[in-house]
Amino acid sequence: MRVTQKGQVTIPLQVRRALGIGPGSDVEFELDEHGARLLVDSDRAAEEIGRMRGAGEGEMSTEEILALTRR
C-alpha cells in the first residue's frame, strides 16, 4: 500500500469491515513505542468507559439503577 502525496492511504475493505469503519467514521492515529495505532470511535468509547469505571458515588442496587433508566 502506498501513501499518496496528500498523505492518504486506503484502508482495505476487510479491515474496514472488521473494525466497523464506514463513510463518515471518525478515526484517529495514536503513537506509542511500538508504532502507530488506528483508533475507531468504538475504541475511544471503550477507553472512556474504562476511565469512568468505579467513579460513581453511593451504592445502588441493579434494580434501583434500572428504575432510574426507565423513567
N, C-alpha and C. Protein backbone atom coordinates (compact mmCIF):
# COMPACT_ATOMS: atom_id res chain seq x y z
N MET A 1 0.86 -1.16 0.00
CA MET A 1 0.00 0.00 0.00
C MET A 1 0.91 1.23 0.00
N ARG A 2 0.56 2.20 -0.78
CA ARG A 2 1.36 3.42 -0.87
C ARG A 2 0.61 4.61 -0.31
N VAL A 3 1.38 5.53 0.20
CA VAL A 3 0.83 6.78 0.70
C VAL A 3 0.83 7.78 -0.46
N THR A 4 -0.29 8.48 -0.64
CA THR A 4 -0.38 9.48 -1.71
C THR A 4 0.40 10.73 -1.33
N GLN A 5 0.52 11.65 -2.27
CA GLN A 5 1.21 12.91 -2.00
C GLN A 5 0.51 13.71 -0.89
N LYS A 6 -0.77 13.48 -0.73
CA LYS A 6 -1.54 14.16 0.33
C LYS A 6 -1.44 13.42 1.68
N GLY A 7 -0.69 12.33 1.74
CA GLY A 7 -0.57 11.56 2.97
C GLY A 7 -1.70 10.59 3.21
N GLN A 8 -2.45 10.27 2.17
CA GLN A 8 -3.62 9.40 2.31
C GLN A 8 -3.28 7.96 1.95
N VAL A 9 -3.98 7.03 2.63
CA VAL A 9 -3.91 5.61 2.30
C VAL A 9 -5.34 5.08 2.26
N THR A 10 -5.54 4.01 1.54
CA THR A 10 -6.85 3.36 1.51
C THR A 10 -6.84 2.23 2.51
N ILE A 11 -7.80 2.24 3.43
CA ILE A 11 -7.93 1.14 4.39
C ILE A 11 -8.59 -0.02 3.66
N PRO A 12 -7.96 -1.18 3.63
CA PRO A 12 -8.53 -2.33 2.91
C PRO A 12 -9.94 -2.66 3.40
N LEU A 13 -10.77 -3.11 2.48
CA LEU A 13 -12.17 -3.43 2.78
C LEU A 13 -12.30 -4.40 3.95
N GLN A 14 -11.48 -5.44 3.96
CA GLN A 14 -11.55 -6.44 5.03
C GLN A 14 -11.30 -5.79 6.40
N VAL A 15 -10.36 -4.87 6.46
CA VAL A 15 -10.06 -4.17 7.72
C VAL A 15 -11.21 -3.24 8.10
N ARG A 16 -11.75 -2.50 7.11
CA ARG A 16 -12.89 -1.61 7.39
C ARG A 16 -14.07 -2.39 7.93
N ARG A 17 -14.35 -3.53 7.33
CA ARG A 17 -15.48 -4.35 7.80
C ARG A 17 -15.23 -4.87 9.21
N ALA A 18 -14.03 -5.35 9.46
CA ALA A 18 -13.71 -5.91 10.78
C ALA A 18 -13.80 -4.86 11.88
N LEU A 19 -13.45 -3.61 11.55
CA LEU A 19 -13.46 -2.54 12.54
C LEU A 19 -14.73 -1.72 12.53
N GLY A 20 -15.64 -2.01 11.61
CA GLY A 20 -16.88 -1.26 11.53
C GLY A 20 -16.70 0.16 11.02
N ILE A 21 -15.70 0.36 10.17
CA ILE A 21 -15.43 1.68 9.61
C ILE A 21 -16.24 1.86 8.35
N GLY A 22 -17.00 2.94 8.28
CA GLY A 22 -17.78 3.24 7.09
C GLY A 22 -17.66 4.71 6.76
N PRO A 23 -18.33 5.14 5.71
CA PRO A 23 -18.29 6.56 5.35
C PRO A 23 -18.71 7.43 6.53
N GLY A 24 -17.92 8.44 6.81
CA GLY A 24 -18.22 9.33 7.92
C GLY A 24 -17.67 8.90 9.26
N SER A 25 -17.08 7.70 9.33
CA SER A 25 -16.49 7.25 10.60
C SER A 25 -15.32 8.14 10.97
N ASP A 26 -15.20 8.42 12.25
CA ASP A 26 -14.05 9.16 12.75
C ASP A 26 -12.97 8.17 13.17
N VAL A 27 -11.77 8.40 12.71
CA VAL A 27 -10.63 7.58 13.11
C VAL A 27 -9.52 8.50 13.58
N GLU A 28 -8.63 7.95 14.36
CA GLU A 28 -7.54 8.73 14.93
C GLU A 28 -6.31 7.82 14.98
N PHE A 29 -5.14 8.41 14.86
CA PHE A 29 -3.91 7.66 15.00
C PHE A 29 -3.26 8.03 16.32
N GLU A 30 -2.76 7.01 17.01
CA GLU A 30 -2.08 7.22 18.28
C GLU A 30 -0.69 6.60 18.16
N LEU A 31 0.32 7.33 18.55
CA LEU A 31 1.69 6.82 18.51
C LEU A 31 2.08 6.25 19.86
N ASP A 32 2.78 5.12 19.85
CA ASP A 32 3.34 4.56 21.08
C ASP A 32 4.70 3.95 20.74
N GLU A 33 5.28 3.25 21.69
CA GLU A 33 6.62 2.71 21.49
C GLU A 33 6.69 1.63 20.41
N HIS A 34 5.54 1.08 20.02
CA HIS A 34 5.51 0.03 19.01
C HIS A 34 5.22 0.56 17.61
N GLY A 35 4.81 1.81 17.49
CA GLY A 35 4.47 2.40 16.20
C GLY A 35 3.19 3.20 16.30
N ALA A 36 2.34 3.07 15.29
CA ALA A 36 1.08 3.82 15.25
C ALA A 36 -0.08 2.85 15.41
N ARG A 37 -1.14 3.34 16.01
CA ARG A 37 -2.34 2.53 16.22
C ARG A 37 -3.53 3.32 15.69
N LEU A 38 -4.40 2.64 14.97
CA LEU A 38 -5.60 3.25 14.43
C LEU A 38 -6.72 3.09 15.45
N LEU A 39 -7.29 4.21 15.89
CA LEU A 39 -8.40 4.17 16.83
C LEU A 39 -9.69 4.52 16.11
N VAL A 40 -10.71 3.74 16.34
CA VAL A 40 -12.02 3.97 15.75
C VAL A 40 -12.94 4.42 16.87
N ASP A 41 -14.04 5.10 16.56
CA ASP A 41 -14.98 5.60 17.57
C ASP A 41 -15.19 4.63 18.72
N SER A 42 -15.40 3.34 18.42
CA SER A 42 -15.70 2.36 19.46
C SER A 42 -14.52 2.19 20.40
N ASP A 43 -13.28 2.35 19.90
CA ASP A 43 -12.10 2.27 20.76
C ASP A 43 -12.13 3.40 21.79
N ARG A 44 -12.43 4.61 21.33
CA ARG A 44 -12.46 5.76 22.23
C ARG A 44 -13.57 5.59 23.26
N ALA A 45 -14.71 5.08 22.85
CA ALA A 45 -15.81 4.86 23.79
C ALA A 45 -15.40 3.85 24.85
N ALA A 46 -14.75 2.78 24.45
CA ALA A 46 -14.31 1.76 25.41
C ALA A 46 -13.29 2.34 26.38
N GLU A 47 -12.38 3.18 25.90
CA GLU A 47 -11.40 3.81 26.78
C GLU A 47 -12.09 4.74 27.78
N GLU A 48 -13.07 5.50 27.31
CA GLU A 48 -13.79 6.42 28.19
C GLU A 48 -14.56 5.65 29.26
N ILE A 49 -15.18 4.57 28.89
CA ILE A 49 -15.91 3.75 29.86
C ILE A 49 -14.94 3.20 30.89
N GLY A 50 -13.76 2.77 30.43
CA GLY A 50 -12.75 2.26 31.34
C GLY A 50 -12.30 3.30 32.35
N ARG A 51 -12.16 4.55 31.91
CA ARG A 51 -11.76 5.63 32.81
C ARG A 51 -12.87 5.93 33.83
N MET A 52 -14.11 5.77 33.42
CA MET A 52 -15.24 6.09 34.28
C MET A 52 -15.56 4.98 35.27
N ARG A 53 -15.11 3.78 35.00
CA ARG A 53 -15.45 2.63 35.84
C ARG A 53 -15.04 2.89 37.29
N GLY A 54 -15.95 2.71 38.19
CA GLY A 54 -15.69 2.89 39.61
C GLY A 54 -15.72 4.33 40.08
N ALA A 55 -16.07 5.27 39.17
CA ALA A 55 -16.05 6.68 39.54
C ALA A 55 -17.33 7.13 40.22
N GLY A 56 -18.37 6.34 40.16
CA GLY A 56 -19.64 6.73 40.75
C GLY A 56 -19.61 6.70 42.27
N GLU A 57 -20.46 7.50 42.87
CA GLU A 57 -20.55 7.53 44.32
C GLU A 57 -21.83 6.85 44.77
N GLY A 58 -21.81 6.34 45.95
CA GLY A 58 -23.00 5.72 46.51
C GLY A 58 -23.13 4.27 46.07
N GLU A 59 -24.04 3.60 46.73
CA GLU A 59 -24.26 2.20 46.41
C GLU A 59 -25.72 2.00 46.06
N MET A 60 -25.98 1.71 44.79
CA MET A 60 -27.34 1.45 44.34
C MET A 60 -27.42 0.01 43.86
N SER A 61 -28.56 -0.57 44.07
CA SER A 61 -28.76 -1.92 43.57
C SER A 61 -29.04 -1.87 42.08
N THR A 62 -28.91 -2.98 41.44
CA THR A 62 -29.21 -3.07 40.00
C THR A 62 -30.64 -2.63 39.73
N GLU A 63 -31.56 -3.03 40.58
CA GLU A 63 -32.97 -2.66 40.40
C GLU A 63 -33.16 -1.14 40.50
N GLU A 64 -32.46 -0.50 41.42
CA GLU A 64 -32.56 0.95 41.56
C GLU A 64 -32.01 1.66 40.32
N ILE A 65 -30.92 1.17 39.81
CA ILE A 65 -30.33 1.76 38.60
C ILE A 65 -31.28 1.58 37.42
N LEU A 66 -31.82 0.39 37.27
CA LEU A 66 -32.76 0.13 36.17
C LEU A 66 -34.00 1.00 36.29
N ALA A 67 -34.47 1.21 37.51
CA ALA A 67 -35.63 2.07 37.70
C ALA A 67 -35.35 3.50 37.24
N LEU A 68 -34.15 3.98 37.50
CA LEU A 68 -33.77 5.32 37.05
C LEU A 68 -33.74 5.43 35.53
N THR A 69 -33.24 4.38 34.88
CA THR A 69 -33.14 4.43 33.41
C THR A 69 -34.48 4.25 32.74
N ARG A 70 -35.47 3.74 33.46
CA ARG A 70 -36.79 3.50 32.86
C ARG A 70 -37.72 4.70 33.01
N ARG A 71 -37.30 5.72 33.71
CA ARG A 71 -38.16 6.89 33.93
C ARG A 71 -38.41 7.65 32.68
